[in-house]
Amino acid sequence: MKGRKCLIVGLVVPVVLCLTTSTALAKDVCQKQNAHIQELGAAIFDPEVCGEYDGGGYDACQFGELVGTLNGTLSFRRMIDWTAFVADDTALVIWADSDIVTKKGELWIQSRCILHLAVHGLACHMAIWGGTGDYADKTGWLALIPTAIASADTAAGGTFLLKGEICPAEE
């Protein structure tokens, strides 16, 4: 009987140690993100609504609701460089300060986007550089992927997915 107790303890202890170690390590790895933008509103071209940054007011802003691994509100506040056309004036390069506000905190994001003028399509690479709450000291990336092209009157509204990962900051 004593031999069985030792055998059981000898088997249970390594399993418990393995589970607690893997749980601790899981907190130090990147977390995959997959969210759907429920509704990306039409672009607002009003610096008073969109806010200011160090160099002046933002040219435009848009807001949307996220559902998925990130549940909350996404906001884009952007400057449009009207001289940054690419591919025979069919696309425009846009940078945006973005954030995502969730119940867990706020993610701070720097976005680089291409607006395809002919089809009103918007695609972005979004670099995560910090945040608040659970997102404090986080890094990572998100890709804004169009799933349906917007009509001309929605000013690049459309529907989108956000895919990427949120990672702990490197020390």
N, C-alpha and C. Protein backbone atom coordinates (compact mmCIF):
# COMPACT_ATOMS: atom_id res chain seq x y z
N MET A 1 0.82 -1.19 0.00
CA MET A 1 0.00 0.00 0.00
C MET A 1 0.87 1.25 0.00
N LYS A 2 1.91 1.26 0.82
CA LYS A 2 2.79 2.40 0.89
C LYS A 2 3.47 2.63 -0.47
N GLY A 3 3.79 1.58 -1.16
CA GLY A 3 4.42 1.69 -2.47
C GLY A 3 3.50 2.36 -3.48
N ARG A 4 2.20 2.06 -3.41
CA ARG A 4 1.24 2.68 -4.32
C ARG A 4 1.12 4.18 -4.06
N LYS A 5 1.09 4.58 -2.76
CA LYS A 5 0.99 6.00 -2.43
C LYS A 5 2.21 6.74 -2.97
N CYS A 6 3.37 6.16 -2.84
CA CYS A 6 4.60 6.78 -3.36
C CYS A 6 4.54 6.89 -4.88
N LEU A 7 4.01 5.84 -5.51
CA LEU A 7 3.90 5.85 -6.96
C LEU A 7 2.92 6.93 -7.41
N ILE A 8 1.77 7.03 -6.74
CA ILE A 8 0.77 8.04 -7.09
C ILE A 8 1.35 9.44 -6.87
N VAL A 9 1.97 9.68 -5.71
CA VAL A 9 2.57 10.98 -5.43
C VAL A 9 3.68 11.26 -6.44
N GLY A 10 4.45 10.23 -6.76
CA GLY A 10 5.53 10.39 -7.73
C GLY A 10 5.03 10.74 -9.12
N LEU A 11 3.81 10.33 -9.47
CA LEU A 11 3.23 10.66 -10.77
C LEU A 11 2.50 12.00 -10.74
N VAL A 12 1.81 12.30 -9.64
CA VAL A 12 1.00 13.51 -9.55
C VAL A 12 1.89 14.76 -9.45
N VAL A 13 2.93 14.72 -8.66
CA VAL A 13 3.78 15.90 -8.46
C VAL A 13 4.37 16.40 -9.77
N PRO A 14 4.97 15.55 -10.62
CA PRO A 14 5.50 16.07 -11.88
C PRO A 14 4.41 16.65 -12.80
N VAL A 15 3.23 16.05 -12.79
CA VAL A 15 2.14 16.57 -13.62
C VAL A 15 1.73 17.96 -13.14
N VAL A 16 1.58 18.14 -11.83
CA VAL A 16 1.21 19.44 -11.26
C VAL A 16 2.30 20.47 -11.57
N LEU A 17 3.56 20.10 -11.39
CA LEU A 17 4.66 21.02 -11.69
C LEU A 17 4.67 21.40 -13.17
N CYS A 18 4.42 20.43 -14.02
CA CYS A 18 4.39 20.69 -15.46
C CYS A 18 3.27 21.66 -15.81
N LEU A 19 2.08 21.45 -15.25
CA LEU A 19 0.94 22.32 -15.54
C LEU A 19 1.17 23.73 -15.02
N THR A 20 1.70 23.88 -13.80
CA THR A 20 1.92 25.22 -13.26
C THR A 20 3.04 25.94 -14.02
N THR A 21 4.05 25.22 -14.43
CA THR A 21 5.13 25.84 -15.21
C THR A 21 4.62 26.27 -16.57
N SER A 22 3.84 25.43 -17.24
CA SER A 22 3.34 25.79 -18.56
C SER A 22 2.36 26.96 -18.48
N THR A 23 1.59 27.05 -17.39
CA THR A 23 0.69 28.19 -17.21
C THR A 23 1.49 29.47 -17.01
N ALA A 24 2.54 29.40 -16.22
CA ALA A 24 3.39 30.58 -16.00
C ALA A 24 4.07 31.00 -17.29
N LEU A 25 4.55 30.04 -18.06
CA LEU A 25 5.23 30.36 -19.32
C LEU A 25 4.25 30.91 -20.35
N ALA A 26 3.01 30.47 -20.32
CA ALA A 26 2.02 30.93 -21.28
C ALA A 26 1.79 32.43 -21.16
N LYS A 27 2.00 32.99 -19.97
CA LYS A 27 1.83 34.42 -19.78
C LYS A 27 2.94 35.21 -20.46
N ASP A 28 4.05 34.58 -20.80
CA ASP A 28 5.20 35.25 -21.39
C ASP A 28 5.30 35.04 -22.89
N VAL A 29 4.26 34.52 -23.52
CA VAL A 29 4.29 34.30 -24.97
C VAL A 29 3.24 35.20 -25.62
N CYS A 30 3.37 35.35 -26.91
CA CYS A 30 2.43 36.17 -27.66
C CYS A 30 1.05 35.52 -27.70
N GLN A 31 0.04 36.35 -27.60
CA GLN A 31 -1.34 35.89 -27.65
C GLN A 31 -1.92 36.23 -29.02
N LYS A 32 -2.39 35.22 -29.73
CA LYS A 32 -3.00 35.43 -31.05
C LYS A 32 -4.28 36.24 -30.91
N GLN A 33 -4.51 37.11 -31.87
CA GLN A 33 -5.70 37.95 -31.86
C GLN A 33 -6.48 37.73 -33.15
N ASN A 34 -7.78 37.72 -33.01
CA ASN A 34 -8.67 37.54 -34.16
C ASN A 34 -9.98 38.24 -33.81
N ALA A 35 -10.20 39.40 -34.41
CA ALA A 35 -11.41 40.16 -34.11
C ALA A 35 -12.04 40.64 -35.41
N HIS A 36 -13.32 40.87 -35.34
CA HIS A 36 -14.09 41.37 -36.47
C HIS A 36 -14.56 42.78 -36.12
N ILE A 37 -14.38 43.71 -37.04
CA ILE A 37 -14.89 45.06 -36.82
C ILE A 37 -16.36 45.03 -37.22
N GLN A 38 -17.21 45.12 -36.21
CA GLN A 38 -18.65 45.06 -36.43
C GLN A 38 -19.12 46.16 -37.36
N GLU A 39 -18.65 47.36 -37.09
CA GLU A 39 -19.10 48.49 -37.90
C GLU A 39 -18.03 49.57 -37.83
N LEU A 40 -17.39 49.85 -38.95
CA LEU A 40 -16.43 50.95 -39.03
C LEU A 40 -17.17 52.13 -39.63
N GLY A 41 -17.39 53.14 -38.81
CA GLY A 41 -18.17 54.29 -39.25
C GLY A 41 -17.49 55.06 -40.37
N ALA A 42 -18.26 55.91 -41.00
CA ALA A 42 -17.74 56.76 -42.06
C ALA A 42 -16.67 57.69 -41.51
N ALA A 43 -15.75 58.08 -42.35
CA ALA A 43 -14.69 58.98 -41.95
C ALA A 43 -15.27 60.33 -41.56
N ILE A 44 -14.72 60.90 -40.49
CA ILE A 44 -15.11 62.22 -40.02
C ILE A 44 -13.95 63.15 -40.32
N PHE A 45 -14.20 64.22 -41.05
CA PHE A 45 -13.15 65.16 -41.42
C PHE A 45 -13.30 66.44 -40.60
N ASP A 46 -13.11 66.32 -39.29
CA ASP A 46 -13.27 67.46 -38.39
C ASP A 46 -12.22 67.38 -37.29
N PRO A 47 -11.18 68.24 -37.34
CA PRO A 47 -10.12 68.19 -36.33
C PRO A 47 -10.64 68.37 -34.91
N GLU A 48 -11.76 69.06 -34.71
CA GLU A 48 -12.29 69.21 -33.36
C GLU A 48 -12.81 67.89 -32.81
N VAL A 49 -13.36 67.05 -33.66
CA VAL A 49 -13.84 65.73 -33.23
C VAL A 49 -12.67 64.75 -33.12
N CYS A 50 -11.74 64.83 -34.07
CA CYS A 50 -10.66 63.85 -34.17
C CYS A 50 -9.53 64.09 -33.17
N GLY A 51 -9.33 65.31 -32.72
CA GLY A 51 -8.30 65.59 -31.73
C GLY A 51 -7.03 66.11 -32.35
N GLU A 52 -6.03 66.28 -31.47
CA GLU A 52 -4.75 66.85 -31.88
C GLU A 52 -3.61 65.94 -31.51
N TYR A 53 -2.50 66.10 -32.18
CA TYR A 53 -1.24 65.45 -31.85
C TYR A 53 -0.19 66.55 -31.78
N ASP A 54 1.06 66.19 -31.54
CA ASP A 54 2.12 67.18 -31.33
C ASP A 54 2.27 68.15 -32.49
N GLY A 55 2.00 67.71 -33.71
CA GLY A 55 2.22 68.55 -34.88
C GLY A 55 0.98 69.29 -35.36
N GLY A 56 -0.16 69.14 -34.72
CA GLY A 56 -1.39 69.81 -35.16
C GLY A 56 -2.60 68.93 -34.99
N GLY A 57 -3.62 69.18 -35.79
CA GLY A 57 -4.85 68.40 -35.70
C GLY A 57 -4.87 67.27 -36.70
N TYR A 58 -5.58 66.22 -36.36
CA TYR A 58 -5.74 65.10 -37.29
C TYR A 58 -6.67 65.49 -38.42
N ASP A 59 -6.40 64.99 -39.63
CA ASP A 59 -7.23 65.29 -40.80
C ASP A 59 -8.57 64.55 -40.76
N ALA A 60 -8.56 63.34 -40.24
CA ALA A 60 -9.78 62.53 -40.27
C ALA A 60 -9.72 61.50 -39.14
N CYS A 61 -10.88 60.96 -38.81
CA CYS A 61 -10.93 59.88 -37.82
C CYS A 61 -12.11 58.96 -38.15
N GLN A 62 -12.01 57.75 -37.65
CA GLN A 62 -13.07 56.74 -37.80
C GLN A 62 -13.13 55.93 -36.53
N PHE A 63 -14.30 55.42 -36.22
CA PHE A 63 -14.50 54.62 -35.01
C PHE A 63 -15.26 53.36 -35.37
N GLY A 64 -14.96 52.26 -34.66
CA GLY A 64 -15.65 51.00 -34.92
C GLY A 64 -15.71 50.13 -33.69
N GLU A 65 -16.62 49.19 -33.69
CA GLU A 65 -16.79 48.23 -32.59
C GLU A 65 -16.13 46.91 -32.96
N LEU A 66 -15.35 46.34 -32.03
CA LEU A 66 -14.66 45.07 -32.24
C LEU A 66 -15.33 43.95 -31.47
N VAL A 67 -15.39 42.77 -32.10
CA VAL A 67 -15.91 41.57 -31.46
C VAL A 67 -14.93 40.45 -31.76
N GLY A 68 -14.53 39.70 -30.75
CA GLY A 68 -13.59 38.59 -30.92
C GLY A 68 -12.67 38.52 -29.73
N THR A 69 -11.40 38.18 -29.97
CA THR A 69 -10.45 38.14 -28.86
C THR A 69 -10.21 39.54 -28.31
N LEU A 70 -10.46 40.54 -29.11
CA LEU A 70 -10.45 41.94 -28.66
C LEU A 70 -11.89 42.46 -28.77
N ASN A 71 -12.54 42.68 -27.65
CA ASN A 71 -13.88 43.25 -27.63
C ASN A 71 -13.77 44.67 -27.13
N GLY A 72 -14.22 45.61 -27.93
CA GLY A 72 -14.14 46.99 -27.50
C GLY A 72 -14.33 47.94 -28.66
N THR A 73 -13.73 49.11 -28.53
CA THR A 73 -13.86 50.17 -29.53
C THR A 73 -12.52 50.46 -30.15
N LEU A 74 -12.49 50.55 -31.47
CA LEU A 74 -11.29 50.89 -32.23
C LEU A 74 -11.46 52.32 -32.74
N SER A 75 -10.41 53.12 -32.61
CA SER A 75 -10.46 54.45 -33.20
C SER A 75 -9.19 54.70 -34.01
N PHE A 76 -9.37 55.27 -35.18
CA PHE A 76 -8.28 55.72 -36.06
C PHE A 76 -8.32 57.24 -36.08
N ARG A 77 -7.20 57.86 -35.78
CA ARG A 77 -7.05 59.30 -35.95
C ARG A 77 -5.89 59.47 -36.91
N ARG A 78 -6.14 60.03 -38.09
CA ARG A 78 -5.10 59.96 -39.10
C ARG A 78 -4.78 61.30 -39.75
N MET A 79 -3.55 61.32 -40.23
CA MET A 79 -3.06 62.40 -41.07
C MET A 79 -2.96 61.84 -42.47
N ILE A 80 -3.41 62.57 -43.43
CA ILE A 80 -3.36 62.13 -44.82
C ILE A 80 -2.30 62.95 -45.53
N ASP A 81 -1.31 62.28 -46.08
CA ASP A 81 -0.27 62.95 -46.87
C ASP A 81 -0.73 62.90 -48.32
N TRP A 82 -1.35 63.97 -48.77
CA TRP A 82 -1.92 63.97 -50.11
C TRP A 82 -0.85 63.91 -51.19
N THR A 83 0.42 64.05 -50.81
CA THR A 83 1.50 63.92 -51.79
C THR A 83 2.02 62.49 -51.89
N ALA A 84 1.54 61.61 -51.02
CA ALA A 84 2.06 60.24 -50.96
C ALA A 84 1.22 59.27 -51.77
N PHE A 85 1.00 59.58 -53.01
CA PHE A 85 0.26 58.67 -53.88
C PHE A 85 1.20 57.60 -54.41
N VAL A 86 0.67 56.42 -54.64
CA VAL A 86 1.46 55.33 -55.22
C VAL A 86 0.72 54.75 -56.41
N ALA A 87 1.43 54.06 -57.26
CA ALA A 87 0.86 53.32 -58.39
C ALA A 87 -0.08 54.17 -59.25
N ASP A 88 0.49 55.20 -59.86
CA ASP A 88 -0.28 56.05 -60.78
C ASP A 88 -1.51 56.67 -60.14
N ASP A 89 -1.35 57.16 -58.93
CA ASP A 89 -2.43 57.86 -58.21
C ASP A 89 -3.65 56.98 -57.93
N THR A 90 -3.47 55.68 -57.83
CA THR A 90 -4.60 54.81 -57.53
C THR A 90 -4.67 54.44 -56.06
N ALA A 91 -3.65 54.81 -55.28
CA ALA A 91 -3.63 54.50 -53.86
C ALA A 91 -2.97 55.64 -53.10
N LEU A 92 -3.33 55.74 -51.83
CA LEU A 92 -2.82 56.79 -50.98
C LEU A 92 -2.27 56.17 -49.70
N VAL A 93 -1.08 56.59 -49.28
CA VAL A 93 -0.49 56.10 -48.03
C VAL A 93 -0.98 56.99 -46.89
N ILE A 94 -1.43 56.37 -45.82
CA ILE A 94 -1.97 57.08 -44.67
C ILE A 94 -1.30 56.54 -43.41
N TRP A 95 -0.94 57.42 -42.48
CA TRP A 95 -0.52 56.94 -41.16
C TRP A 95 -1.60 57.34 -40.18
N ALA A 96 -1.73 56.55 -39.14
CA ALA A 96 -2.78 56.82 -38.15
C ALA A 96 -2.29 56.46 -36.75
N ASP A 97 -2.67 57.27 -35.80
CA ASP A 97 -2.55 56.89 -34.39
C ASP A 97 -3.87 56.21 -34.08
N SER A 98 -3.79 55.02 -33.54
CA SER A 98 -5.00 54.26 -33.27
C SER A 98 -4.98 53.77 -31.84
N ASP A 99 -6.14 53.45 -31.34
CA ASP A 99 -6.19 52.76 -30.05
C ASP A 99 -7.41 51.85 -30.03
N ILE A 100 -7.29 50.86 -29.18
CA ILE A 100 -8.40 49.93 -28.94
C ILE A 100 -8.67 49.98 -27.45
N VAL A 101 -9.90 50.30 -27.08
CA VAL A 101 -10.29 50.37 -25.68
C VAL A 101 -11.16 49.16 -25.37
N THR A 102 -10.73 48.36 -24.38
CA THR A 102 -11.48 47.18 -23.95
C THR A 102 -11.70 47.26 -22.44
N LYS A 103 -12.41 46.30 -21.89
CA LYS A 103 -12.58 46.23 -20.44
C LYS A 103 -11.26 45.93 -19.73
N LYS A 104 -10.30 45.33 -20.45
CA LYS A 104 -9.00 44.97 -19.86
C LYS A 104 -8.00 46.10 -19.91
N GLY A 105 -8.29 47.15 -20.67
CA GLY A 105 -7.36 48.27 -20.80
C GLY A 105 -7.38 48.82 -22.20
N GLU A 106 -6.38 49.64 -22.48
CA GLU A 106 -6.28 50.31 -23.78
C GLU A 106 -4.98 49.91 -24.47
N LEU A 107 -5.07 49.61 -25.77
CA LEU A 107 -3.90 49.32 -26.60
C LEU A 107 -3.56 50.56 -27.41
N TRP A 108 -2.27 50.94 -27.44
CA TRP A 108 -1.83 52.07 -28.25
C TRP A 108 -1.15 51.54 -29.51
N ILE A 109 -1.55 52.09 -30.64
CA ILE A 109 -1.15 51.52 -31.93
C ILE A 109 -0.73 52.62 -32.89
N GLN A 110 0.31 52.33 -33.67
CA GLN A 110 0.72 53.20 -34.78
C GLN A 110 0.41 52.41 -36.06
N SER A 111 -0.40 53.00 -36.94
CA SER A 111 -0.86 52.28 -38.13
C SER A 111 -0.29 52.92 -39.40
N ARG A 112 0.01 52.08 -40.36
CA ARG A 112 0.37 52.50 -41.72
C ARG A 112 -0.63 51.83 -42.64
N CYS A 113 -1.33 52.64 -43.42
CA CYS A 113 -2.43 52.12 -44.24
C CYS A 113 -2.26 52.51 -45.69
N ILE A 114 -2.88 51.74 -46.55
CA ILE A 114 -2.99 52.09 -47.96
C ILE A 114 -4.48 52.13 -48.29
N LEU A 115 -4.92 53.27 -48.80
CA LEU A 115 -6.29 53.44 -49.24
C LEU A 115 -6.29 53.32 -50.75
N HIS A 116 -6.94 52.28 -51.27
CA HIS A 116 -7.05 52.07 -52.71
C HIS A 116 -8.23 52.89 -53.21
N LEU A 117 -7.91 53.97 -53.91
CA LEU A 117 -8.92 54.96 -54.27
C LEU A 117 -9.99 54.42 -55.23
N ALA A 118 -9.60 53.58 -56.16
CA ALA A 118 -10.56 53.11 -57.16
C ALA A 118 -11.66 52.26 -56.54
N VAL A 119 -11.34 51.48 -55.52
CA VAL A 119 -12.33 50.59 -54.92
C VAL A 119 -12.67 50.96 -53.48
N HIS A 120 -12.10 52.05 -52.99
CA HIS A 120 -12.33 52.51 -51.61
C HIS A 120 -11.94 51.45 -50.59
N GLY A 121 -10.93 50.64 -50.91
CA GLY A 121 -10.45 49.61 -49.99
C GLY A 121 -9.35 50.15 -49.10
N LEU A 122 -9.33 49.73 -47.85
CA LEU A 122 -8.34 50.17 -46.88
C LEU A 122 -7.70 48.95 -46.24
N ALA A 123 -6.36 48.89 -46.21
CA ALA A 123 -5.64 47.81 -45.53
C ALA A 123 -4.53 48.45 -44.71
N CYS A 124 -4.29 47.92 -43.50
CA CYS A 124 -3.32 48.55 -42.60
C CYS A 124 -2.46 47.51 -41.89
N HIS A 125 -1.21 47.91 -41.60
CA HIS A 125 -0.35 47.20 -40.67
C HIS A 125 -0.31 48.06 -39.42
N MET A 126 -0.59 47.45 -38.28
CA MET A 126 -0.71 48.20 -37.03
C MET A 126 0.31 47.69 -36.02
N ALA A 127 1.24 48.56 -35.62
CA ALA A 127 2.27 48.21 -34.64
C ALA A 127 1.81 48.61 -33.24
N ILE A 128 1.75 47.63 -32.34
CA ILE A 128 1.35 47.89 -30.95
C ILE A 128 2.59 48.35 -30.19
N TRP A 129 2.47 49.47 -29.46
CA TRP A 129 3.63 49.98 -28.76
C TRP A 129 3.40 50.21 -27.27
N GLY A 130 2.28 49.77 -26.74
CA GLY A 130 2.03 49.90 -25.30
C GLY A 130 0.56 49.96 -25.02
N GLY A 131 0.26 50.37 -23.79
CA GLY A 131 -1.13 50.49 -23.41
C GLY A 131 -1.30 50.66 -21.92
N THR A 132 -2.52 50.42 -21.46
CA THR A 132 -2.84 50.50 -20.04
C THR A 132 -3.47 49.18 -19.59
N GLY A 133 -3.61 49.01 -18.29
CA GLY A 133 -4.24 47.80 -17.75
C GLY A 133 -3.48 46.55 -18.16
N ASP A 134 -4.19 45.53 -18.63
CA ASP A 134 -3.56 44.28 -19.07
C ASP A 134 -2.61 44.49 -20.26
N TYR A 135 -2.73 45.61 -20.95
CA TYR A 135 -1.91 45.86 -22.13
C TYR A 135 -0.70 46.75 -21.86
N ALA A 136 -0.47 47.11 -20.61
CA ALA A 136 0.70 47.93 -20.27
C ALA A 136 1.96 47.17 -20.66
N ASP A 137 2.90 47.85 -21.26
CA ASP A 137 4.18 47.27 -21.67
C ASP A 137 4.04 46.13 -22.68
N LYS A 138 3.02 46.17 -23.50
CA LYS A 138 2.85 45.14 -24.54
C LYS A 138 3.36 45.66 -25.88
N THR A 139 3.72 44.74 -26.73
CA THR A 139 4.11 45.04 -28.11
C THR A 139 3.33 44.08 -28.99
N GLY A 140 3.59 44.13 -30.29
CA GLY A 140 2.95 43.19 -31.19
C GLY A 140 2.52 43.89 -32.46
N TRP A 141 1.61 43.24 -33.16
CA TRP A 141 1.16 43.76 -34.45
C TRP A 141 -0.25 43.27 -34.73
N LEU A 142 -0.94 44.01 -35.54
CA LEU A 142 -2.26 43.62 -36.03
C LEU A 142 -2.32 43.99 -37.51
N ALA A 143 -3.04 43.22 -38.27
CA ALA A 143 -3.29 43.55 -39.67
C ALA A 143 -4.77 43.81 -39.82
N LEU A 144 -5.10 44.93 -40.42
CA LEU A 144 -6.48 45.27 -40.73
C LEU A 144 -6.74 44.74 -42.13
N ILE A 145 -7.60 43.73 -42.22
CA ILE A 145 -7.83 43.02 -43.48
C ILE A 145 -9.26 43.26 -43.93
N PRO A 146 -9.44 43.86 -45.12
CA PRO A 146 -10.81 44.08 -45.60
C PRO A 146 -11.48 42.75 -45.94
N THR A 147 -12.75 42.62 -45.56
CA THR A 147 -13.53 41.43 -45.92
C THR A 147 -14.64 41.79 -46.89
N ALA A 148 -14.96 43.08 -46.98
CA ALA A 148 -15.92 43.57 -47.97
C ALA A 148 -15.53 44.99 -48.30
N ILE A 149 -15.53 45.30 -49.56
CA ILE A 149 -15.15 46.63 -50.02
C ILE A 149 -16.28 47.61 -49.75
N ALA A 150 -15.91 48.79 -49.30
CA ALA A 150 -16.90 49.83 -49.00
C ALA A 150 -17.42 50.46 -50.28
N SER A 151 -18.57 51.06 -50.17
CA SER A 151 -19.07 51.84 -51.30
C SER A 151 -18.48 53.25 -51.21
N ALA A 152 -18.57 54.00 -52.29
CA ALA A 152 -17.98 55.33 -52.34
C ALA A 152 -18.54 56.25 -51.26
N ASP A 153 -19.80 56.08 -50.89
CA ASP A 153 -20.39 57.00 -49.93
C ASP A 153 -20.08 56.67 -48.48
N THR A 154 -19.41 55.56 -48.20
CA THR A 154 -19.06 55.23 -46.81
C THR A 154 -17.65 55.66 -46.45
N ALA A 155 -16.94 56.27 -47.38
CA ALA A 155 -15.58 56.78 -47.12
C ALA A 155 -14.70 55.70 -46.51
N ALA A 156 -14.57 54.57 -47.19
CA ALA A 156 -13.73 53.44 -46.78
C ALA A 156 -14.26 52.74 -45.54
N GLY A 157 -15.57 52.69 -45.36
CA GLY A 157 -16.17 51.98 -44.23
C GLY A 157 -15.91 50.49 -44.33
N GLY A 158 -16.63 49.79 -45.15
CA GLY A 158 -16.43 48.37 -45.38
C GLY A 158 -16.50 47.53 -44.11
N THR A 159 -16.14 46.27 -44.21
CA THR A 159 -16.02 45.38 -43.06
C THR A 159 -14.61 44.81 -43.04
N PHE A 160 -14.11 44.54 -41.84
CA PHE A 160 -12.71 44.19 -41.67
C PHE A 160 -12.51 43.15 -40.59
N LEU A 161 -11.39 42.44 -40.71
CA LEU A 161 -10.88 41.58 -39.65
C LEU A 161 -9.61 42.21 -39.11
N LEU A 162 -9.34 41.97 -37.84
CA LEU A 162 -8.06 42.32 -37.23
C LEU A 162 -7.41 41.01 -36.82
N LYS A 163 -6.25 40.73 -37.37
CA LYS A 163 -5.51 39.52 -37.02
C LYS A 163 -4.10 39.92 -36.63
N GLY A 164 -3.53 39.21 -35.66
CA GLY A 164 -2.17 39.50 -35.25
C GLY A 164 -1.86 38.87 -33.91
N GLU A 165 -0.97 39.53 -33.15
CA GLU A 165 -0.62 39.02 -31.84
C GLU A 165 -0.17 40.14 -30.92
N ILE A 166 -0.48 39.95 -29.64
CA ILE A 166 -0.04 40.87 -28.60
C ILE A 166 0.99 40.13 -27.76
N CYS A 167 2.15 40.76 -27.57
CA CYS A 167 3.28 40.10 -26.93
C CYS A 167 3.78 40.90 -25.72
N PRO A 168 4.43 40.23 -24.78
CA PRO A 168 5.08 40.97 -23.70
C PRO A 168 6.24 41.77 -24.27
N ALA A 169 6.51 42.92 -23.67
CA ALA A 169 7.65 43.73 -24.12
C ALA A 169 8.95 42.97 -23.86
N GLU A 170 9.88 43.10 -24.78
CA GLU A 170 11.19 42.48 -24.59
C GLU A 170 11.98 43.28 -23.57
N GLU A 171 12.67 42.57 -22.69
CA GLU A 171 13.45 43.24 -21.66
C GLU A 171 14.90 43.33 -22.04
